[in-house]
Protein backbone atom coordinates (compact mmCIF):
# COMPACT_ATOMS: atom_id res chain seq x y z
CA VAL A 1 22.47 -3.46 -8.27
CA SER A 2 20.02 -4.94 -11.02
CA GLY A 3 21.51 -8.22 -11.95
CA LEU A 4 22.81 -9.03 -8.24
CA LEU A 5 19.54 -10.16 -7.11
CA SER A 6 18.44 -12.47 -9.26
CA PRO A 7 14.72 -12.18 -8.55
CA ILE A 8 14.25 -8.63 -9.02
CA ASN A 9 16.27 -8.74 -12.55
CA LYS A 10 13.62 -6.99 -15.32
CA LYS A 11 14.58 -10.14 -17.37
CA ASN A 12 13.40 -12.84 -14.99
CA ARG A 13 10.35 -10.93 -13.82
CA THR A 14 6.81 -12.34 -15.72
CA GLN A 15 3.51 -11.56 -14.88
CA LYS A 16 3.33 -14.66 -13.14
CA THR A 17 6.26 -13.83 -10.78
CA CYS A 18 4.87 -10.17 -9.69
CA PRO A 19 1.38 -9.73 -8.60
CA GLY A 20 0.57 -6.51 -10.42
CA TYR A 21 3.05 -6.71 -13.03
CA MET A 22 2.60 -3.57 -14.78
CA ARG A 23 2.97 -1.89 -11.03
CA CYS A 24 6.05 -3.50 -10.72
CA GLU A 25 7.37 -1.90 -13.99
CA MET A 26 6.56 1.31 -13.12
CA PHE A 27 8.79 1.24 -10.10
CA SER A 28 11.75 0.96 -12.42
CA GLN A 29 11.27 4.91 -13.25
CA ASN A 30 12.57 6.55 -10.17
CA ASN A 31 16.35 7.77 -9.89
CA ASN A 32 17.66 5.58 -6.80
CA LYS A 33 17.72 1.68 -8.27
CA LEU A 34 18.02 0.52 -4.59
CA ASN A 35 14.85 2.04 -3.59
CA ASP A 36 13.52 1.26 -6.75
CA GLU A 37 14.21 -2.27 -6.49
CA LEU A 38 12.83 -2.17 -3.10
CA LEU A 39 9.55 -1.20 -4.04
CA THR A 40 9.43 -4.14 -6.42
CA ALA A 41 10.76 -6.50 -3.88
CA ALA A 42 7.95 -5.50 -1.28
CA HIS A 43 5.33 -5.55 -4.29
CA GLU A 44 6.43 -9.25 -5.40
CA GLY A 45 6.77 -9.85 -1.22
CA ASN A 46 10.18 -11.41 -1.68
CA LEU A 47 11.49 -10.66 2.02
CA VAL A 48 15.14 -12.56 1.31
CA GLU A 49 15.32 -9.59 -1.27
CA ILE A 50 13.84 -6.89 0.75
CA LYS A 51 16.56 -7.21 3.60
CA LYS A 52 19.40 -7.55 1.19
CA LEU A 53 18.61 -4.24 -0.36
CA ILE A 54 18.29 -2.61 2.91
CA ALA A 55 21.37 -4.09 3.91
CA LEU A 56 22.86 -2.17 0.94
CA GLY A 57 21.29 1.17 1.50
CA ALA A 58 17.40 1.34 0.29
CA ASN A 59 15.55 3.41 2.08
CA PRO A 60 12.57 1.98 3.49
CA GLY A 61 10.82 4.93 3.84
CA PHE A 62 11.42 6.49 0.44
CA VAL A 63 8.11 8.00 -1.48
CA SER A 64 8.52 7.18 -4.96
CA GLN A 65 6.77 9.28 -8.04
CA HIS A 66 6.34 7.81 -11.16
CA GLN A 67 4.57 8.03 -14.36
CA TYR A 68 1.69 5.52 -15.49
CA ARG A 69 0.27 5.83 -18.81
CA THR A 70 -1.03 9.57 -18.25
CA LEU A 71 -0.78 9.64 -14.28
CA THR A 72 1.73 10.69 -11.73
CA VAL A 73 1.47 7.98 -9.20
CA SER A 74 2.95 7.81 -5.77
CA THR A 75 3.53 5.34 -3.17
CA THR A 76 5.99 3.71 -0.81
CA PRO A 77 7.45 0.52 -0.27
CA PHE A 78 4.61 -0.28 2.85
CA GLN A 79 1.87 0.52 0.27
CA ALA A 80 3.16 -1.44 -2.60
CA LEU A 81 3.59 -4.02 -0.05
CA VAL A 82 0.03 -3.82 1.66
CA TYR A 83 -1.44 -3.55 -2.18
CA ALA A 84 0.09 -6.45 -3.33
CA ALA A 85 -0.75 -8.59 0.01
CA GLN A 86 -4.49 -8.20 -0.26
CA GLY A 87 -5.77 -11.82 -0.73
CA LYS A 88 -2.65 -13.09 0.34
CA PHE A 89 -2.50 -11.71 3.60
CA GLU A 90 -0.98 -15.15 5.41
CA PHE A 91 2.18 -15.31 3.02
CA TYR A 92 2.84 -11.44 3.03
CA LYS A 93 1.88 -11.21 6.96
CA PRO A 94 5.61 -11.89 7.87
CA ILE A 95 6.81 -9.13 5.29
CA ILE A 96 4.46 -6.97 6.98
CA ASP A 97 5.46 -7.40 10.71
CA TYR A 98 9.49 -7.40 9.37
CA PHE A 99 8.46 -3.69 8.05
CA ILE A 100 6.86 -2.68 11.50
CA ASN A 101 8.64 -4.49 13.96
CA GLU A 102 12.60 -4.65 12.78
CA LEU A 103 12.28 -1.74 10.19
CA LYS A 104 10.13 0.37 12.61
CA ILE A 105 8.29 2.03 9.20
CA ASP A 106 5.56 4.61 10.03
CA ILE A 107 2.48 2.50 8.83
CA ASN A 108 0.78 6.04 8.26
CA GLN A 109 3.18 7.56 6.19
CA ALA A 110 1.82 9.36 3.20
CA ASP A 111 2.78 9.30 -0.37
CA PHE A 112 3.02 12.69 -2.45
CA ASN A 113 -0.71 12.86 -2.89
CA GLY A 114 -1.37 12.30 1.31
CA ASP A 115 -2.65 8.98 0.91
CA THR A 116 -1.42 6.46 3.47
CA ALA A 117 -1.69 2.30 3.59
CA ALA A 118 -5.27 2.81 4.95
CA HIS A 119 -6.13 4.64 2.00
CA THR A 120 -5.07 1.78 -0.20
CA LEU A 121 -6.51 -0.86 1.44
CA ALA A 122 -9.63 0.96 1.80
CA ASN A 123 -9.71 1.58 -2.10
CA ASN A 124 -8.89 -2.17 -2.01
CA SER A 125 -10.92 -3.73 0.23
CA GLY A 126 -8.25 -5.12 2.31
CA ILE A 127 -10.02 -5.63 5.60
CA GLU A 128 -7.82 -8.30 6.74
CA ILE A 129 -4.65 -6.55 6.61
CA MET A 130 -6.64 -3.17 7.91
CA ALA A 131 -7.62 -5.14 10.90
CA HIS A 132 -4.01 -6.37 11.65
CA LEU A 133 -2.66 -3.08 11.26
CA LEU A 134 -4.98 -1.25 13.67
CA VAL A 135 -3.25 -2.78 16.26
CA HIS A 136 0.29 -1.45 15.32
CA HIS A 137 -1.74 2.26 14.97
CA LEU A 138 -3.37 2.17 11.56
CA ASP A 139 -4.67 5.92 11.25
CA LEU A 140 -8.34 5.51 9.70
CA GLN A 141 -8.83 9.52 10.24
CA LYS A 142 -5.92 10.83 8.01
CA ALA A 143 -7.23 12.76 5.23
CA ASN A 144 -5.06 13.04 2.09
CA LYS A 145 -4.53 16.43 0.44
CA LYS A 146 -7.62 16.14 -1.30
CA GLY A 147 -9.29 16.04 2.07
CA GLU A 148 -10.12 12.39 1.26
CA TYR A 149 -10.19 10.05 4.17
CA PRO A 150 -9.47 6.22 3.60
CA ILE A 151 -13.43 5.44 3.87
CA ASN A 152 -13.81 7.93 1.10
CA HIS A 153 -11.68 5.37 -1.09
CA ALA A 154 -14.04 2.71 0.35
CA LEU A 155 -16.92 4.68 -1.09
CA SER A 156 -15.83 4.92 -4.47
CA PRO A 157 -18.37 3.97 -7.18
CA THR A 158 -16.94 0.58 -7.21
CA HIS A 159 -17.22 0.28 -3.28
CA ASN A 160 -17.62 -2.67 -1.48
CA HIS A 161 -19.83 -2.82 1.41
CA ASP A 162 -17.82 -4.95 3.78
CA ALA A 163 -14.86 -2.43 3.70
CA VAL A 164 -17.53 0.63 4.22
CA ASP A 165 -18.98 -0.97 6.94
CA PHE A 166 -15.66 -1.91 8.51
CA LEU A 167 -14.14 1.42 8.38
CA ALA A 168 -17.18 3.05 9.48
CA GLU A 169 -17.31 0.80 12.79
CA LYS A 170 -13.68 1.53 13.10
CA MET A 171 -13.53 5.04 12.68
CA SER A 172 -13.79 6.83 16.01
CA ALA A 173 -15.20 10.19 14.28
CA ILE A 174 -16.97 10.12 10.94
CA PRO A 175 -17.30 13.63 8.79
CA LEU A 176 -20.93 14.62 8.73
CA ASP A 177 -20.64 14.60 4.74
CA ILE A 178 -19.57 10.85 4.80
CA ALA A 179 -22.27 9.55 7.45
CA ARG A 180 -24.93 10.94 5.10
CA ARG A 181 -23.70 9.01 2.41
CA LEU A 182 -23.43 5.88 4.39
CA ILE A 183 -27.10 6.65 5.68
CA HIS A 184 -28.22 7.05 2.05
CA LEU A 185 -26.20 3.60 1.34
CA LYS A 186 -28.14 1.68 4.31
CA ARG A 187 -31.74 3.18 3.01
CA GLY A 188 -30.66 2.28 -0.64
C-alpha cells in the first residue's frame, strides 16, 4: 500500500504536511500496513486517503500499540484524528463526522491503556471538539485502567482551567477526590 497513496507515502511526509510529525512516524511501527496508513491519514486529516484505505480493508476500529522513545504508546484512528483536530476543528469536523456517521465508529473506544478520545481531548484542552462529541454521546465518566477520568487528565500539572471547568460542568457525577481538587483549585 505504501507508495500507492501519494500523500501518505513516507518520502513525501514532512513536518509541514503532518501535524505532530513525530506522532505520524510512530504509526509506522505496527504490523498491519493498511491500519498504519489509516492512523497517519486520520492524523493528517486526509479524508480522501481515509476513504481509500477503508475501501482497501483498513479497520477504523483497530487499536495501535507502538514504541515512542522509552514509552509504549497506544491509540486508535479516532484518537489520532481528534488529537490532530485541536485548534483546527473546522478543517477536521467533516472527517470526525465521517467517522461517526458513516463508519459508525465507537467514539468511546478505549486504547490498550483504557484511554478514550475524551481522555485525549481533556489532556490537550480540546473543548470545542468535546462539545461537538457530547451530542454523539461522548462518555466523560469512563475511567481508564489507572482509574483516571478525562477530568484527571485536564487536572494534570499543566492543566487548562477552561477544560477543567468545561468537564466539571458537563460530568454527571464527579468522584470525591476530583471534587476536592476542584475546590482546592477554586480557592487557590
